[in-house]
């Protein structure tokens, strides 16, 4: 993505999405600590919780991708190394997004 203002806007949007979802996640992690196995399983089988968790992770990964690419653009001087770094960041991010998507889909579909 070459349009830096678009990247900046998308990074701010993902940050806004992450703020309430992070509070939701931390609150639920504190609750999960006292849950037994069946309660924990029920929590993750809930479509609402799975959906919110999915949005949290995808937003977090994309937000991190944009941030890491910005760091690479600003601090890596070699154009070849910069391109390799950005390609590696993209491959890892999209691979993790696919892995998370499949995991949540399999969990909810079970």
N, C-alpha and C. Protein backbone atom coordinates (compact mmCIF):
# COMPACT_ATOMS: atom_id res chain seq x y z
N UNK A 1 0.85 -1.17 0.00
CA UNK A 1 0.00 0.00 0.00
C UNK A 1 0.90 1.24 0.00
N UNK A 2 0.84 2.03 -1.03
CA UNK A 2 1.72 3.19 -1.17
C UNK A 2 1.12 4.47 -0.60
N UNK A 3 -0.20 4.54 -0.47
CA UNK A 3 -0.84 5.75 0.01
C UNK A 3 -0.70 5.82 1.54
N UNK A 4 0.21 6.66 2.02
CA UNK A 4 0.52 6.72 3.44
C UNK A 4 -0.62 7.29 4.26
N UNK A 5 -1.41 8.19 3.70
CA UNK A 5 -2.54 8.72 4.46
C UNK A 5 -3.61 7.65 4.65
N UNK A 6 -3.79 6.78 3.67
CA UNK A 6 -4.75 5.68 3.81
C UNK A 6 -4.27 4.71 4.88
N UNK A 7 -2.97 4.40 4.88
CA UNK A 7 -2.40 3.54 5.92
C UNK A 7 -2.61 4.15 7.30
N UNK A 8 -2.38 5.44 7.41
CA UNK A 8 -2.53 6.14 8.68
C UNK A 8 -3.97 6.05 9.17
N UNK A 9 -4.92 6.28 8.27
CA UNK A 9 -6.34 6.21 8.64
C UNK A 9 -6.73 4.80 9.05
N UNK A 10 -6.30 3.80 8.29
CA UNK A 10 -6.63 2.41 8.62
C UNK A 10 -6.01 2.02 9.96
N UNK A 11 -4.80 2.49 10.24
CA UNK A 11 -4.19 2.17 11.52
C UNK A 11 -4.96 2.81 12.68
N UNK A 12 -5.49 3.98 12.48
CA UNK A 12 -6.30 4.63 13.52
C UNK A 12 -7.64 3.91 13.70
N UNK A 13 -8.23 3.45 12.60
CA UNK A 13 -9.49 2.72 12.69
C UNK A 13 -9.29 1.41 13.44
N UNK A 14 -8.22 0.68 13.12
CA UNK A 14 -7.96 -0.57 13.84
C UNK A 14 -7.67 -0.29 15.31
N UNK A 15 -7.02 0.82 15.61
CA UNK A 15 -6.78 1.17 17.01
C UNK A 15 -8.09 1.43 17.74
N UNK A 16 -9.01 2.11 17.08
CA UNK A 16 -10.32 2.37 17.69
C UNK A 16 -11.11 1.08 17.91
N UNK A 17 -10.97 0.14 17.00
CA UNK A 17 -11.62 -1.16 17.15
C UNK A 17 -10.99 -1.92 18.32
N UNK A 18 -9.68 -1.82 18.45
CA UNK A 18 -8.96 -2.56 19.48
C UNK A 18 -9.22 -2.06 20.90
N UNK A 19 -9.53 -0.80 21.07
CA UNK A 19 -9.71 -0.25 22.42
C UNK A 19 -10.81 -0.98 23.19
N UNK A 20 -12.06 -1.00 22.70
CA UNK A 20 -13.09 -1.69 23.49
C UNK A 20 -12.89 -3.21 23.52
N UNK A 21 -12.39 -3.78 22.43
CA UNK A 21 -12.20 -5.22 22.39
C UNK A 21 -11.10 -5.68 23.35
N UNK A 22 -10.10 -4.84 23.56
CA UNK A 22 -9.05 -5.19 24.51
C UNK A 22 -9.61 -5.22 25.93
N UNK A 23 -10.44 -4.24 26.28
CA UNK A 23 -11.09 -4.26 27.60
C UNK A 23 -11.97 -5.49 27.74
N UNK A 24 -12.73 -5.82 26.70
CA UNK A 24 -13.58 -7.02 26.72
C UNK A 24 -12.72 -8.27 26.93
N UNK A 25 -11.62 -8.35 26.21
CA UNK A 25 -10.75 -9.52 26.29
C UNK A 25 -10.12 -9.66 27.68
N UNK A 26 -9.60 -8.58 28.23
CA UNK A 26 -8.97 -8.63 29.56
C UNK A 26 -10.00 -9.01 30.61
N UNK A 27 -11.18 -8.41 30.54
CA UNK A 27 -12.25 -8.75 31.49
C UNK A 27 -12.59 -10.24 31.42
N UNK A 28 -12.73 -10.76 30.21
CA UNK A 28 -13.06 -12.17 30.05
C UNK A 28 -11.91 -13.09 30.43
N UNK A 29 -10.69 -12.66 30.23
CA UNK A 29 -9.54 -13.47 30.67
C UNK A 29 -9.54 -13.61 32.19
N UNK A 30 -9.87 -12.54 32.87
CA UNK A 30 -9.95 -12.61 34.33
C UNK A 30 -11.05 -13.58 34.77
N UNK A 31 -12.17 -13.58 34.06
CA UNK A 31 -13.25 -14.52 34.37
C UNK A 31 -12.84 -15.95 34.03
N UNK A 32 -12.18 -16.13 32.89
CA UNK A 32 -11.79 -17.47 32.45
C UNK A 32 -10.84 -18.15 33.45
N UNK A 33 -10.12 -17.37 34.20
CA UNK A 33 -9.19 -17.94 35.17
C UNK A 33 -9.92 -18.77 36.23
N UNK A 34 -11.17 -18.41 36.51
CA UNK A 34 -11.93 -19.15 37.53
C UNK A 34 -12.89 -20.17 36.92
N UNK A 35 -12.94 -20.26 35.60
CA UNK A 35 -13.85 -21.21 34.95
C UNK A 35 -13.27 -22.61 34.98
N UNK A 36 -14.17 -23.58 35.01
CA UNK A 36 -13.72 -24.96 34.81
C UNK A 36 -13.68 -25.24 33.30
N UNK A 37 -13.33 -26.44 32.95
CA UNK A 37 -13.15 -26.79 31.53
C UNK A 37 -14.43 -26.59 30.72
N UNK A 38 -15.57 -27.07 31.24
CA UNK A 38 -16.83 -26.95 30.51
C UNK A 38 -17.26 -25.50 30.32
N UNK A 39 -17.04 -24.68 31.33
CA UNK A 39 -17.38 -23.26 31.21
C UNK A 39 -16.49 -22.56 30.18
N UNK A 40 -15.22 -22.91 30.19
CA UNK A 40 -14.29 -22.33 29.22
C UNK A 40 -14.67 -22.75 27.81
N UNK A 41 -14.99 -24.02 27.66
CA UNK A 41 -15.41 -24.54 26.36
C UNK A 41 -16.68 -23.83 25.88
N UNK A 42 -17.64 -23.65 26.77
CA UNK A 42 -18.89 -22.96 26.42
C UNK A 42 -18.62 -21.51 26.02
N UNK A 43 -17.68 -20.87 26.69
CA UNK A 43 -17.35 -19.50 26.36
C UNK A 43 -16.87 -19.40 24.92
N UNK A 44 -15.96 -20.28 24.53
CA UNK A 44 -15.40 -20.21 23.18
C UNK A 44 -16.34 -20.79 22.12
N UNK A 45 -17.32 -21.59 22.51
CA UNK A 45 -18.30 -22.08 21.55
C UNK A 45 -19.37 -21.04 21.24
N UNK A 46 -19.48 -20.04 22.08
CA UNK A 46 -20.45 -18.96 21.84
C UNK A 46 -20.08 -18.21 20.57
N UNK A 47 -21.06 -18.04 19.69
CA UNK A 47 -20.80 -17.34 18.43
C UNK A 47 -20.44 -15.87 18.67
N UNK A 48 -21.06 -15.25 19.67
CA UNK A 48 -20.74 -13.85 19.98
C UNK A 48 -19.29 -13.73 20.45
N UNK A 49 -18.89 -14.55 21.41
CA UNK A 49 -17.52 -14.48 21.91
C UNK A 49 -16.51 -14.84 20.83
N UNK A 50 -16.82 -15.84 20.03
CA UNK A 50 -15.91 -16.22 18.94
C UNK A 50 -15.79 -15.10 17.92
N UNK A 51 -16.90 -14.44 17.62
CA UNK A 51 -16.88 -13.34 16.65
C UNK A 51 -16.07 -12.16 17.17
N UNK A 52 -16.29 -11.80 18.44
CA UNK A 52 -15.54 -10.70 19.02
C UNK A 52 -14.05 -11.02 19.09
N UNK A 53 -13.73 -12.26 19.45
CA UNK A 53 -12.34 -12.68 19.50
C UNK A 53 -11.72 -12.64 18.10
N UNK A 54 -12.47 -13.08 17.11
CA UNK A 54 -11.99 -13.04 15.72
C UNK A 54 -11.69 -11.61 15.29
N UNK A 55 -12.62 -10.70 15.54
CA UNK A 55 -12.42 -9.29 15.18
C UNK A 55 -11.21 -8.72 15.91
N UNK A 56 -11.07 -9.07 17.19
CA UNK A 56 -9.93 -8.60 17.98
C UNK A 56 -8.61 -9.05 17.36
N UNK A 57 -8.50 -10.33 17.07
CA UNK A 57 -7.23 -10.87 16.57
C UNK A 57 -6.92 -10.34 15.17
N UNK A 58 -7.92 -10.31 14.29
CA UNK A 58 -7.68 -9.82 12.92
C UNK A 58 -7.28 -8.34 12.94
N UNK A 59 -7.98 -7.55 13.75
CA UNK A 59 -7.64 -6.13 13.86
C UNK A 59 -6.24 -5.94 14.44
N UNK A 60 -5.92 -6.75 15.44
CA UNK A 60 -4.61 -6.65 16.08
C UNK A 60 -3.50 -7.02 15.09
N UNK A 61 -3.71 -8.08 14.34
CA UNK A 61 -2.70 -8.49 13.37
C UNK A 61 -2.52 -7.44 12.28
N UNK A 62 -3.61 -6.89 11.77
CA UNK A 62 -3.49 -5.90 10.70
C UNK A 62 -2.86 -4.60 11.23
N UNK A 63 -3.24 -4.21 12.45
CA UNK A 63 -2.67 -3.03 13.08
C UNK A 63 -1.16 -3.21 13.26
N UNK A 64 -0.76 -4.39 13.72
CA UNK A 64 0.66 -4.68 13.90
C UNK A 64 1.39 -4.70 12.56
N UNK A 65 0.75 -5.25 11.53
CA UNK A 65 1.35 -5.28 10.19
C UNK A 65 1.66 -3.87 9.71
N UNK A 66 0.69 -2.99 9.83
CA UNK A 66 0.90 -1.61 9.38
C UNK A 66 2.01 -0.93 10.18
N UNK A 67 2.03 -1.15 11.48
CA UNK A 67 3.07 -0.56 12.32
C UNK A 67 4.46 -1.09 11.97
N UNK A 68 4.57 -2.39 11.78
CA UNK A 68 5.87 -2.99 11.44
C UNK A 68 6.34 -2.54 10.06
N UNK A 69 5.42 -2.42 9.12
CA UNK A 69 5.80 -1.92 7.79
C UNK A 69 6.29 -0.49 7.85
N UNK A 70 5.65 0.32 8.69
CA UNK A 70 6.08 1.71 8.85
C UNK A 70 7.49 1.77 9.44
N UNK A 71 7.75 0.92 10.41
CA UNK A 71 9.10 0.87 11.00
C UNK A 71 10.12 0.47 9.93
N UNK A 72 9.78 -0.54 9.14
CA UNK A 72 10.69 -0.98 8.07
C UNK A 72 10.94 0.14 7.06
N UNK A 73 9.89 0.84 6.69
CA UNK A 73 10.03 1.93 5.72
C UNK A 73 10.90 3.07 6.28
N UNK A 74 10.76 3.32 7.58
CA UNK A 74 11.48 4.45 8.17
C UNK A 74 12.93 4.13 8.52
N UNK A 75 13.22 2.89 8.90
CA UNK A 75 14.54 2.60 9.47
C UNK A 75 15.41 1.66 8.66
N UNK A 76 14.86 0.94 7.70
CA UNK A 76 15.69 0.05 6.88
C UNK A 76 16.14 0.85 5.66
N UNK A 77 17.44 0.96 5.49
CA UNK A 77 17.96 1.83 4.42
C UNK A 77 18.08 1.10 3.09
N UNK A 78 18.41 -0.17 3.10
CA UNK A 78 18.55 -0.93 1.86
C UNK A 78 17.17 -1.23 1.27
N UNK A 79 16.96 -0.84 0.02
CA UNK A 79 15.66 -1.07 -0.62
C UNK A 79 15.35 -2.56 -0.73
N UNK A 80 16.37 -3.36 -1.04
CA UNK A 80 16.18 -4.80 -1.17
C UNK A 80 15.77 -5.42 0.17
N UNK A 81 16.47 -5.05 1.23
CA UNK A 81 16.15 -5.56 2.56
C UNK A 81 14.79 -5.05 3.03
N UNK A 82 14.46 -3.81 2.67
CA UNK A 82 13.16 -3.23 3.02
C UNK A 82 12.04 -4.04 2.37
N UNK A 83 12.21 -4.38 1.08
CA UNK A 83 11.19 -5.16 0.37
C UNK A 83 11.05 -6.57 0.95
N UNK A 84 12.19 -7.19 1.29
CA UNK A 84 12.15 -8.53 1.88
C UNK A 84 11.46 -8.49 3.25
N UNK A 85 11.78 -7.47 4.03
CA UNK A 85 11.18 -7.32 5.35
C UNK A 85 9.67 -7.13 5.24
N UNK A 86 9.25 -6.25 4.35
CA UNK A 86 7.81 -6.01 4.19
C UNK A 86 7.10 -7.25 3.65
N UNK A 87 7.73 -7.99 2.76
CA UNK A 87 7.14 -9.23 2.24
C UNK A 87 7.00 -10.26 3.36
N UNK A 88 8.02 -10.38 4.18
CA UNK A 88 7.99 -11.32 5.31
C UNK A 88 6.89 -10.94 6.29
N UNK A 89 6.77 -9.66 6.59
CA UNK A 89 5.71 -9.18 7.49
C UNK A 89 4.35 -9.53 6.91
N UNK A 90 4.15 -9.29 5.63
CA UNK A 90 2.86 -9.58 5.00
C UNK A 90 2.55 -11.08 5.01
N UNK A 91 3.53 -11.90 4.66
CA UNK A 91 3.32 -13.35 4.63
C UNK A 91 2.95 -13.86 6.02
N UNK A 92 3.70 -13.43 7.02
CA UNK A 92 3.41 -13.89 8.39
C UNK A 92 2.03 -13.42 8.85
N UNK A 93 1.71 -12.17 8.57
CA UNK A 93 0.42 -11.63 8.99
C UNK A 93 -0.73 -12.38 8.34
N UNK A 94 -0.68 -12.55 7.03
CA UNK A 94 -1.78 -13.22 6.34
C UNK A 94 -1.87 -14.70 6.68
N UNK A 95 -0.71 -15.34 6.93
CA UNK A 95 -0.71 -16.74 7.35
C UNK A 95 -1.38 -16.88 8.72
N UNK A 96 -1.05 -15.96 9.63
CA UNK A 96 -1.68 -15.99 10.95
C UNK A 96 -3.18 -15.69 10.87
N UNK A 97 -3.56 -14.78 9.99
CA UNK A 97 -4.99 -14.49 9.82
C UNK A 97 -5.74 -15.72 9.32
N UNK A 98 -5.15 -16.43 8.39
CA UNK A 98 -5.77 -17.66 7.87
C UNK A 98 -5.85 -18.71 8.98
N UNK A 99 -4.79 -18.86 9.74
CA UNK A 99 -4.77 -19.83 10.83
C UNK A 99 -5.83 -19.52 11.89
N UNK A 100 -5.93 -18.26 12.27
CA UNK A 100 -6.94 -17.84 13.25
C UNK A 100 -8.34 -18.07 12.69
N UNK A 101 -8.56 -17.70 11.44
CA UNK A 101 -9.88 -17.87 10.82
C UNK A 101 -10.28 -19.34 10.79
N UNK A 102 -9.38 -20.19 10.37
CA UNK A 102 -9.67 -21.61 10.33
C UNK A 102 -9.93 -22.18 11.72
N UNK A 103 -9.12 -21.77 12.69
CA UNK A 103 -9.28 -22.26 14.06
C UNK A 103 -10.63 -21.89 14.63
N UNK A 104 -11.02 -20.64 14.46
CA UNK A 104 -12.30 -20.20 15.01
C UNK A 104 -13.46 -20.85 14.26
N UNK A 105 -13.33 -20.97 12.94
CA UNK A 105 -14.39 -21.62 12.15
C UNK A 105 -14.56 -23.07 12.60
N UNK A 106 -13.47 -23.79 12.76
CA UNK A 106 -13.53 -25.18 13.19
C UNK A 106 -14.13 -25.29 14.59
N UNK A 107 -13.75 -24.36 15.47
CA UNK A 107 -14.27 -24.38 16.83
C UNK A 107 -15.76 -24.15 16.86
N UNK A 108 -16.24 -23.15 16.12
CA UNK A 108 -17.66 -22.80 16.14
C UNK A 108 -18.48 -23.84 15.38
N UNK A 109 -17.91 -24.39 14.32
CA UNK A 109 -18.65 -25.37 13.51
C UNK A 109 -18.77 -26.73 14.20
N UNK A 110 -17.90 -26.98 15.19
CA UNK A 110 -17.89 -28.29 15.85
C UNK A 110 -19.13 -28.52 16.70
